[in-house]
């Protein structure tokens, strides 16, 4: 069973996502970014995967110490999440 962490909207200024440590499981964790633009198009249509230990190596948000800020470009891209909805 995959651990899929759903993110409503990325952090636009540096194209990253905030991932809460308590949502992570050992091994690969997947991120699905649910943001849809004004035209109704899913801007980030893929699943993005990364190992828990690698995620925990990213900097933490100063206001929320259990939130790791991970650039979207650093994730491995996996199958389009649009196929999961079918």
PDB file of N, CA and C in Angstrom:
ATOM      1  N   UNK A   1       0.844  -1.186   0.000  1.00  0.00           N
ATOM      2  CA  UNK A   1       0.000   0.000   0.000  1.00  0.00           C
ATOM      3  C   UNK A   1       0.892   1.254   0.000  1.00  0.00           C
ATOM      4  N   UNK A   2       0.596   2.165  -0.883  1.00  0.00           N
ATOM      5  CA  UNK A   2       1.380   3.394  -0.978  1.00  0.00           C
ATOM      6  C   UNK A   2       0.895   4.408   0.053  1.00  0.00           C
ATOM      7  N   UNK A   3       1.839   5.142   0.593  1.00  0.00           N
ATOM      8  CA  UNK A   3       1.496   6.265   1.453  1.00  0.00           C
ATOM      9  C   UNK A   3       1.457   7.500   0.571  1.00  0.00           C
ATOM     10  N   UNK A   4       0.244   8.023   0.322  1.00  0.00           N
ATOM     11  CA  UNK A   4       0.090   9.204  -0.530  1.00  0.00           C
ATOM     12  C   UNK A   4      -0.308  10.386   0.335  1.00  0.00           C
ATOM     13  N   UNK A   5       0.555  11.387   0.375  1.00  0.00           N
ATOM     14  CA  UNK A   5       0.311  12.610   1.141  1.00  0.00           C
ATOM     15  C   UNK A   5      -0.272  13.634   0.174  1.00  0.00           C
ATOM     16  N   UNK A   6      -1.455  14.111   0.481  1.00  0.00           N
ATOM     17  CA  UNK A   6      -2.132  15.066  -0.402  1.00  0.00           C
ATOM     18  C   UNK A   6      -1.806  16.492   0.034  1.00  0.00           C
ATOM     19  N   UNK A   7      -1.367  17.304  -0.928  1.00  0.00           N
ATOM     20  CA  UNK A   7      -1.020  18.702  -0.703  1.00  0.00           C
ATOM     21  C   UNK A   7      -2.003  19.552  -1.504  1.00  0.00           C
ATOM     22  N   UNK A   8      -2.686  20.479  -0.847  1.00  0.00           N
ATOM     23  CA  UNK A   8      -3.683  21.300  -1.536  1.00  0.00           C
ATOM     24  C   UNK A   8      -3.052  22.290  -2.508  1.00  0.00           C
ATOM     25  N   UNK A   9      -1.976  22.929  -2.082  1.00  0.00           N
ATOM     26  CA  UNK A   9      -1.323  23.934  -2.928  1.00  0.00           C
ATOM     27  C   UNK A   9       0.160  24.002  -2.563  1.00  0.00           C
ATOM     28  N   UNK A  10       1.039  24.111  -3.563  1.00  0.00           N
ATOM     29  CA  UNK A  10       2.469  24.206  -3.264  1.00  0.00           C
ATOM     30  C   UNK A  10       2.837  25.573  -2.697  1.00  0.00           C
ATOM     31  N   UNK A  11       4.056  25.684  -2.239  1.00  0.00           N
ATOM     32  CA  UNK A  11       4.619  26.971  -1.834  1.00  0.00           C
ATOM     33  C   UNK A  11       5.188  27.574  -3.115  1.00  0.00           C
ATOM     34  N   UNK A  12       4.491  28.551  -3.643  1.00  0.00           N
ATOM     35  CA  UNK A  12       4.809  29.060  -4.981  1.00  0.00           C
ATOM     36  C   UNK A  12       6.147  29.777  -5.077  1.00  0.00           C
ATOM     37  N   UNK A  13       6.550  30.512  -4.046  1.00  0.00           N
ATOM     38  CA  UNK A  13       7.761  31.334  -4.164  1.00  0.00           C
ATOM     39  C   UNK A  13       9.006  30.512  -4.484  1.00  0.00           C
ATOM     40  N   UNK A  14       9.060  29.273  -4.021  1.00  0.00           N
ATOM     41  CA  UNK A  14      10.217  28.434  -4.350  1.00  0.00           C
ATOM     42  C   UNK A  14       9.810  27.065  -4.902  1.00  0.00           C
ATOM     43  N   UNK A  15       8.547  26.950  -5.347  1.00  0.00           N
ATOM     44  CA  UNK A  15       8.021  25.723  -5.945  1.00  0.00           C
ATOM     45  C   UNK A  15       8.370  24.498  -5.107  1.00  0.00           C
ATOM     46  N   UNK A  16       7.906  24.519  -3.890  1.00  0.00           N
ATOM     47  CA  UNK A  16       8.167  23.424  -2.967  1.00  0.00           C
ATOM     48  C   UNK A  16       6.868  23.038  -2.259  1.00  0.00           C
ATOM     49  N   UNK A  17       6.951  21.999  -1.440  1.00  0.00           N
ATOM     50  CA  UNK A  17       5.813  21.582  -0.633  1.00  0.00           C
ATOM     51  C   UNK A  17       6.272  21.409   0.806  1.00  0.00           C
ATOM     52  N   UNK A  18       5.351  21.617   1.723  1.00  0.00           N
ATOM     53  CA  UNK A  18       5.622  21.376   3.138  1.00  0.00           C
ATOM     54  C   UNK A  18       5.045  20.022   3.521  1.00  0.00           C
ATOM     55  N   UNK A  19       5.886  19.164   4.100  1.00  0.00           N
ATOM     56  CA  UNK A  19       5.447  17.816   4.474  1.00  0.00           C
ATOM     57  C   UNK A  19       5.623  17.634   5.974  1.00  0.00           C
ATOM     58  N   UNK A  20       4.521  17.312   6.640  1.00  0.00           N
ATOM     59  CA  UNK A  20       4.551  17.092   8.085  1.00  0.00           C
ATOM     60  C   UNK A  20       5.222  15.758   8.396  1.00  0.00           C
ATOM     61  N   UNK A  21       6.103  15.773   9.341  1.00  0.00           N
ATOM     62  CA  UNK A  21       6.840  14.571   9.720  1.00  0.00           C
ATOM     63  C   UNK A  21       5.907  13.446  10.158  1.00  0.00           C
ATOM     64  N   UNK A  22       4.806  13.777  10.810  1.00  0.00           N
ATOM     65  CA  UNK A  22       3.914  12.734  11.326  1.00  0.00           C
ATOM     66  C   UNK A  22       3.186  11.971  10.218  1.00  0.00           C
ATOM     67  N   UNK A  23       3.184  12.497   8.987  1.00  0.00           N
ATOM     68  CA  UNK A  23       2.537  11.812   7.863  1.00  0.00           C
ATOM     69  C   UNK A  23       3.471  10.837   7.154  1.00  0.00           C
ATOM     70  N   UNK A  24       4.738  10.841   7.501  1.00  0.00           N
ATOM     71  CA  UNK A  24       5.724  10.003   6.821  1.00  0.00           C
ATOM     72  C   UNK A  24       5.741   8.583   7.361  1.00  0.00           C
ATOM     73  N   UNK A  25       5.957   7.625   6.449  1.00  0.00           N
ATOM     74  CA  UNK A  25       6.130   6.221   6.821  1.00  0.00           C
ATOM     75  C   UNK A  25       7.513   5.794   6.353  1.00  0.00           C
ATOM     76  N   UNK A  26       8.063   4.715   6.929  1.00  0.00           N
ATOM     77  CA  UNK A  26       9.365   4.238   6.453  1.00  0.00           C
ATOM     78  C   UNK A  26       9.307   3.883   4.966  1.00  0.00           C
ATOM     79  N   UNK A  27      10.385   4.141   4.256  1.00  0.00           N
ATOM     80  CA  UNK A  27      10.446   3.860   2.825  1.00  0.00           C
ATOM     81  C   UNK A  27       9.980   5.043   1.999  1.00  0.00           C
ATOM     82  N   UNK A  28       9.506   4.752   0.792  1.00  0.00           N
ATOM     83  CA  UNK A  28       9.100   5.803  -0.138  1.00  0.00           C
ATOM     84  C   UNK A  28       7.731   6.364   0.231  1.00  0.00           C
ATOM     85  N   UNK A  29       7.640   7.671   0.255  1.00  0.00           N
ATOM     86  CA  UNK A  29       6.389   8.387   0.483  1.00  0.00           C
ATOM     87  C   UNK A  29       6.053   9.130  -0.806  1.00  0.00           C
ATOM     88  N   UNK A  30       4.773   9.151  -1.144  1.00  0.00           N
ATOM     89  CA  UNK A  30       4.335   9.811  -2.366  1.00  0.00           C
ATOM     90  C   UNK A  30       3.561  11.075  -2.026  1.00  0.00           C
ATOM     91  N   UNK A  31       3.727  12.088  -2.863  1.00  0.00           N
ATOM     92  CA  UNK A  31       3.027  13.359  -2.694  1.00  0.00           C
ATOM     93  C   UNK A  31       2.149  13.580  -3.918  1.00  0.00           C
ATOM     94  N   UNK A  32       0.896  13.945  -3.670  1.00  0.00           N
ATOM     95  CA  UNK A  32      -0.014  14.335  -4.738  1.00  0.00           C
ATOM     96  C   UNK A  32      -0.396  15.785  -4.487  1.00  0.00           C
ATOM     97  N   UNK A  33      -0.098  16.657  -5.455  1.00  0.00           N
ATOM     98  CA  UNK A  33      -0.422  18.080  -5.332  1.00  0.00           C
ATOM     99  C   UNK A  33      -1.757  18.295  -6.036  1.00  0.00           C
ATOM    100  N   UNK A  34      -2.776  18.662  -5.276  1.00  0.00           N
ATOM    101  CA  UNK A  34      -4.143  18.735  -5.785  1.00  0.00           C
ATOM    102  C   UNK A  34      -4.500  20.052  -6.459  1.00  0.00           C
ATOM    103  N   UNK A  35      -3.585  20.998  -6.517  1.00  0.00           N
ATOM    104  CA  UNK A  35      -3.889  22.332  -7.030  1.00  0.00           C
ATOM    105  C   UNK A  35      -4.389  22.294  -8.475  1.00  0.00           C
ATOM    106  N   UNK A  36      -5.477  23.007  -8.741  1.00  0.00           N
ATOM    107  CA  UNK A  36      -6.070  23.117 -10.074  1.00  0.00           C
ATOM    108  C   UNK A  36      -6.106  24.607 -10.438  1.00  0.00           C
ATOM    109  N   UNK A  37      -5.650  24.938 -11.665  1.00  0.00           N
ATOM    110  CA  UNK A  37      -5.618  26.343 -12.080  1.00  0.00           C
ATOM    111  C   UNK A  37      -7.003  26.848 -12.491  1.00  0.00           C
ATOM    112  N   UNK A  38      -7.065  28.098 -12.925  1.00  0.00           N
ATOM    113  CA  UNK A  38      -8.342  28.734 -13.279  1.00  0.00           C
ATOM    114  C   UNK A  38      -9.049  28.042 -14.439  1.00  0.00           C
ATOM    115  N   UNK A  39      -8.282  27.354 -15.275  1.00  0.00           N
ATOM    116  CA  UNK A  39      -8.862  26.655 -16.420  1.00  0.00           C
ATOM    117  C   UNK A  39      -9.333  25.245 -16.067  1.00  0.00           C
ATOM    118  N   UNK A  40      -9.150  24.868 -14.801  1.00  0.00           N
ATOM    119  CA  UNK A  40      -9.562  23.534 -14.365  1.00  0.00           C
ATOM    120  C   UNK A  40      -8.547  22.443 -14.641  1.00  0.00           C
ATOM    121  N   UNK A  41      -7.300  22.839 -14.913  1.00  0.00           N
ATOM    122  CA  UNK A  41      -6.238  21.884 -15.217  1.00  0.00           C
ATOM    123  C   UNK A  41      -5.387  21.643 -13.973  1.00  0.00           C
ATOM    124  N   UNK A  42      -5.110  20.378 -13.704  1.00  0.00           N
ATOM    125  CA  UNK A  42      -4.237  20.027 -12.588  1.00  0.00           C
ATOM    126  C   UNK A  42      -2.805  20.396 -12.977  1.00  0.00           C
ATOM    127  N   UNK A  43      -2.208  21.337 -12.262  1.00  0.00           N
ATOM    128  CA  UNK A  43      -0.893  21.886 -12.610  1.00  0.00           C
ATOM    129  C   UNK A  43       0.222  20.851 -12.401  1.00  0.00           C
ATOM    130  N   UNK A  44       0.116  20.033 -11.387  1.00  0.00           N
ATOM    131  CA  UNK A  44       1.104  18.993 -11.073  1.00  0.00           C
ATOM    132  C   UNK A  44       0.397  17.641 -11.129  1.00  0.00           C
ATOM    133  N   UNK A  45       0.263  17.045 -12.329  1.00  0.00           N
ATOM    134  CA  UNK A  45      -0.576  15.859 -12.488  1.00  0.00           C
ATOM    135  C   UNK A  45       0.066  14.528 -12.080  1.00  0.00           C
ATOM    136  N   UNK A  46       1.257  14.555 -11.561  1.00  0.00           N
ATOM    137  CA  UNK A  46       1.958  13.310 -11.239  1.00  0.00           C
ATOM    138  C   UNK A  46       1.958  13.023  -9.744  1.00  0.00           C
ATOM    139  N   UNK A  47       2.364  11.808  -9.414  1.00  0.00           N
ATOM    140  CA  UNK A  47       2.725  11.488  -8.038  1.00  0.00           C
ATOM    141  C   UNK A  47       4.221  11.728  -7.937  1.00  0.00           C
ATOM    142  N   UNK A  48       4.660  12.261  -6.825  1.00  0.00           N
ATOM    143  CA  UNK A  48       6.059  12.560  -6.608  1.00  0.00           C
ATOM    144  C   UNK A  48       6.525  11.746  -5.410  1.00  0.00           C
ATOM    145  N   UNK A  49       7.593  10.964  -5.587  1.00  0.00           N
ATOM    146  CA  UNK A  49       8.044  10.075  -4.526  1.00  0.00           C
ATOM    147  C   UNK A  49       9.411  10.421  -3.991  1.00  0.00           C
ATOM    148  N   UNK A  50       9.582  10.138  -2.684  1.00  0.00           N
ATOM    149  CA  UNK A  50      10.882  10.351  -2.042  1.00  0.00           C
ATOM    150  C   UNK A  50      10.923   9.523  -0.757  1.00  0.00           C
ATOM    151  N   UNK A  51      12.101   9.022  -0.435  1.00  0.00           N
ATOM    152  CA  UNK A  51      12.293   8.243   0.783  1.00  0.00           C
ATOM    153  C   UNK A  51      12.143   9.119   2.029  1.00  0.00           C
ATOM    154  N   UNK A  52      11.588   8.538   3.076  1.00  0.00           N
ATOM    155  CA  UNK A  52      11.365   9.273   4.329  1.00  0.00           C
ATOM    156  C   UNK A  52      12.644   9.907   4.857  1.00  0.00           C
ATOM    157  N   UNK A  53      13.746   9.158   4.853  1.00  0.00           N
ATOM    158  CA  UNK A  53      14.999   9.693   5.395  1.00  0.00           C
ATOM    159  C   UNK A  53      15.504  10.896   4.602  1.00  0.00           C
ATOM    160  N   UNK A  54      15.293  10.870   3.289  1.00  0.00           N
ATOM    161  CA  UNK A  54      15.718  11.999   2.457  1.00  0.00           C
ATOM    162  C   UNK A  54      14.848  13.223   2.751  1.00  0.00           C
ATOM    163  N   UNK A  55      13.531  13.008   2.889  1.00  0.00           N
ATOM    164  CA  UNK A  55      12.624  14.117   3.217  1.00  0.00           C
ATOM    165  C   UNK A  55      13.021  14.759   4.533  1.00  0.00           C
ATOM    166  N   UNK A  56      13.344  13.934   5.516  1.00  0.00           N
ATOM    167  CA  UNK A  56      13.688  14.459   6.841  1.00  0.00           C
ATOM    168  C   UNK A  56      15.012  15.215   6.840  1.00  0.00           C
ATOM    169  N   UNK A  57      15.795  15.088   5.775  1.00  0.00           N
ATOM    170  CA  UNK A  57      17.042  15.833   5.659  1.00  0.00           C
ATOM    171  C   UNK A  57      16.856  17.252   5.131  1.00  0.00           C
ATOM    172  N   UNK A  58      15.645  17.565   4.673  1.00  0.00           N
ATOM    173  CA  UNK A  58      15.370  18.917   4.168  1.00  0.00           C
ATOM    174  C   UNK A  58      15.079  19.862   5.326  1.00  0.00           C
ATOM    175  N   UNK A  59      15.293  21.171   5.101  1.00  0.00           N
ATOM    176  CA  UNK A  59      15.101  22.145   6.180  1.00  0.00           C
ATOM    177  C   UNK A  59      13.664  22.152   6.697  1.00  0.00           C
ATOM    178  N   UNK A  60      13.564  22.548   7.941  1.00  0.00           N
ATOM    179  CA  UNK A  60      12.260  22.634   8.586  1.00  0.00           C
ATOM    180  C   UNK A  60      11.766  24.073   8.549  1.00  0.00           C
ATOM    181  N   UNK A  61      10.456  24.220   8.566  1.00  0.00           N
ATOM    182  CA  UNK A  61       9.832  25.541   8.669  1.00  0.00           C
ATOM    183  C   UNK A  61      10.064  26.035  10.096  1.00  0.00           C
ATOM    184  N   UNK A  62      10.527  27.262  10.243  1.00  0.00           N
ATOM    185  CA  UNK A  62      10.831  27.792  11.579  1.00  0.00           C
ATOM    186  C   UNK A  62       9.600  27.923  12.460  1.00  0.00           C
ATOM    187  N   UNK A  63       8.462  28.233  11.860  1.00  0.00           N
ATOM    188  CA  UNK A  63       7.232  28.381  12.638  1.00  0.00           C
ATOM    189  C   UNK A  63       6.602  27.039  12.978  1.00  0.00           C
ATOM    190  N   UNK A  64       6.866  26.028  12.163  1.00  0.00           N
ATOM    191  CA  UNK A  64       6.300  24.690  12.359  1.00  0.00           C
ATOM    192  C   UNK A  64       7.447  23.689  12.285  1.00  0.00           C
ATOM    193  N   UNK A  65       8.072  23.358  13.407  1.00  0.00           N
ATOM    194  CA  UNK A  65       9.296  22.559  13.396  1.00  0.00           C
ATOM    195  C   UNK A  65       9.155  21.134  12.871  1.00  0.00           C
ATOM    196  N   UNK A  66       7.944  20.612  12.712  1.00  0.00           N
ATOM    197  CA  UNK A  66       7.778  19.263  12.186  1.00  0.00           C
ATOM    198  C   UNK A  66       7.378  19.275  10.714  1.00  0.00           C
ATOM    199  N   UNK A  67       7.553  20.419  10.051  1.00  0.00           N
ATOM    200  CA  UNK A  67       7.196  20.580   8.647  1.00  0.00           C
ATOM    201  C   UNK A  67       8.476  20.747   7.823  1.00  0.00           C
ATOM    202  N   UNK A  68       8.747  19.785   6.951  1.00  0.00           N
ATOM    203  CA  UNK A  68       9.931  19.843   6.090  1.00  0.00           C
ATOM    204  C   UNK A  68       9.543  20.470   4.745  1.00  0.00           C
ATOM    205  N   UNK A  69      10.366  21.394   4.268  1.00  0.00           N
ATOM    206  CA  UNK A  69      10.121  22.097   3.008  1.00  0.00           C
ATOM    207  C   UNK A  69      10.974  21.436   1.921  1.00  0.00           C
ATOM    208  N   UNK A  70      10.297  20.799   0.946  1.00  0.00           N
ATOM    209  CA  UNK A  70      10.986  20.024  -0.087  1.00  0.00           C
ATOM    210  C   UNK A  70      10.661  20.594  -1.474  1.00  0.00           C
ATOM    211  N   UNK A  71      11.670  20.969  -2.265  1.00  0.00           N
ATOM    212  CA  UNK A  71      11.414  21.437  -3.631  1.00  0.00           C
ATOM    213  C   UNK A  71      10.773  20.333  -4.474  1.00  0.00           C
ATOM    214  N   UNK A  72       9.779  20.682  -5.261  1.00  0.00           N
ATOM    215  CA  UNK A  72       9.081  19.706  -6.101  1.00  0.00           C
ATOM    216  C   UNK A  72      10.065  19.056  -7.084  1.00  0.00           C
ATOM    217  N   UNK A  73      11.004  19.820  -7.591  1.00  0.00           N
ATOM    218  CA  UNK A  73      11.967  19.303  -8.568  1.00  0.00           C
ATOM    219  C   UNK A  73      12.865  18.198  -7.998  1.00  0.00           C
ATOM    220  N   UNK A  74      12.984  18.105  -6.681  1.00  0.00           N
ATOM    221  CA  UNK A  74      13.844  17.091  -6.064  1.00  0.00           C
ATOM    222  C   UNK A  74      13.169  15.721  -5.942  1.00  0.00           C
ATOM    223  N   UNK A  75      11.865  15.656  -6.141  1.00  0.00           N
ATOM    224  CA  UNK A  75      11.143  14.380  -6.061  1.00  0.00           C
ATOM    225  C   UNK A  75      11.368  13.557  -7.328  1.00  0.00           C
ATOM    226  N   UNK A  76      11.212  12.245  -7.196  1.00  0.00           N
ATOM    227  CA  UNK A  76      11.151  11.359  -8.357  1.00  0.00           C
ATOM    228  C   UNK A  76       9.717  11.409  -8.862  1.00  0.00           C
ATOM    229  N   UNK A  77       9.541  11.568 -10.171  1.00  0.00           N
ATOM    230  CA  UNK A  77       8.203  11.633 -10.756  1.00  0.00           C
ATOM    231  C   UNK A  77       7.720  10.214 -11.027  1.00  0.00           C
ATOM    232  N   UNK A  78       6.490   9.925 -10.592  1.00  0.00           N
ATOM    233  CA  UNK A  78       5.885   8.614 -10.790  1.00  0.00           C
ATOM    234  C   UNK A  78       4.643   8.763 -11.656  1.00  0.00           C
ATOM    235  N   UNK A  79       3.909   7.699 -11.819  1.00  0.00           N
ATOM    236  CA  UNK A  79       2.731   7.684 -12.692  1.00  0.00           C
ATOM    237  C   UNK A  79       1.816   8.874 -12.435  1.00  0.00           C
ATOM    238  N   UNK A  80       1.155   9.331 -13.461  1.00  0.00           N
ATOM    239  CA  UNK A  80       0.225  10.438 -13.331  1.00  0.00           C
ATOM    240  C   UNK A  80      -0.886  10.074 -12.358  1.00  0.00           C
ATOM    241  N   UNK A  81      -1.184  10.947 -11.426  1.00  0.00           N
ATOM    242  CA  UNK A  81      -2.246  10.703 -10.455  1.00  0.00           C
ATOM    243  C   UNK A  81      -3.611  10.716 -11.119  1.00  0.00           C
ATOM    244  N   UNK A  82      -3.703  11.235 -12.345  1.00  0.00           N
ATOM    245  CA  UNK A  82      -4.974  11.235 -13.050  1.00  0.00           C
ATOM    246  C   UNK A  82      -5.443   9.819 -13.355  1.00  0.00           C
ATOM    247  N   UNK A  83      -4.492   8.877 -13.506  1.00  0.00           N
ATOM    248  CA  UNK A  83      -4.854   7.484 -13.743  1.00  0.00           C
ATOM    249  C   UNK A  83      -5.456   6.842 -12.489  1.00  0.00           C
ATOM    250  N   UNK A  84      -5.136   7.367 -11.325  1.00  0.00           N
ATOM    251  CA  UNK A  84      -5.663   6.806 -10.085  1.00  0.00           C
ATOM    252  C   UNK A  84      -7.142   7.131  -9.917  1.00  0.00           C
ATOM    253  N   UNK A  85      -7.610   8.207 -10.558  1.00  0.00           N
ATOM    254  CA  UNK A  85      -8.995   8.619 -10.401  1.00  0.00           C
ATOM    255  C   UNK A  85      -9.944   7.796 -11.240  1.00  0.00           C
ATOM    256  N   UNK A  86      -9.429   7.090 -12.243  1.00  0.00           N
ATOM    257  CA  UNK A  86     -10.285   6.305 -13.149  1.00  0.00           C
ATOM    258  C   UNK A  86     -10.794   5.042 -12.497  1.00  0.00           C
TER     259      UNK A  86
END
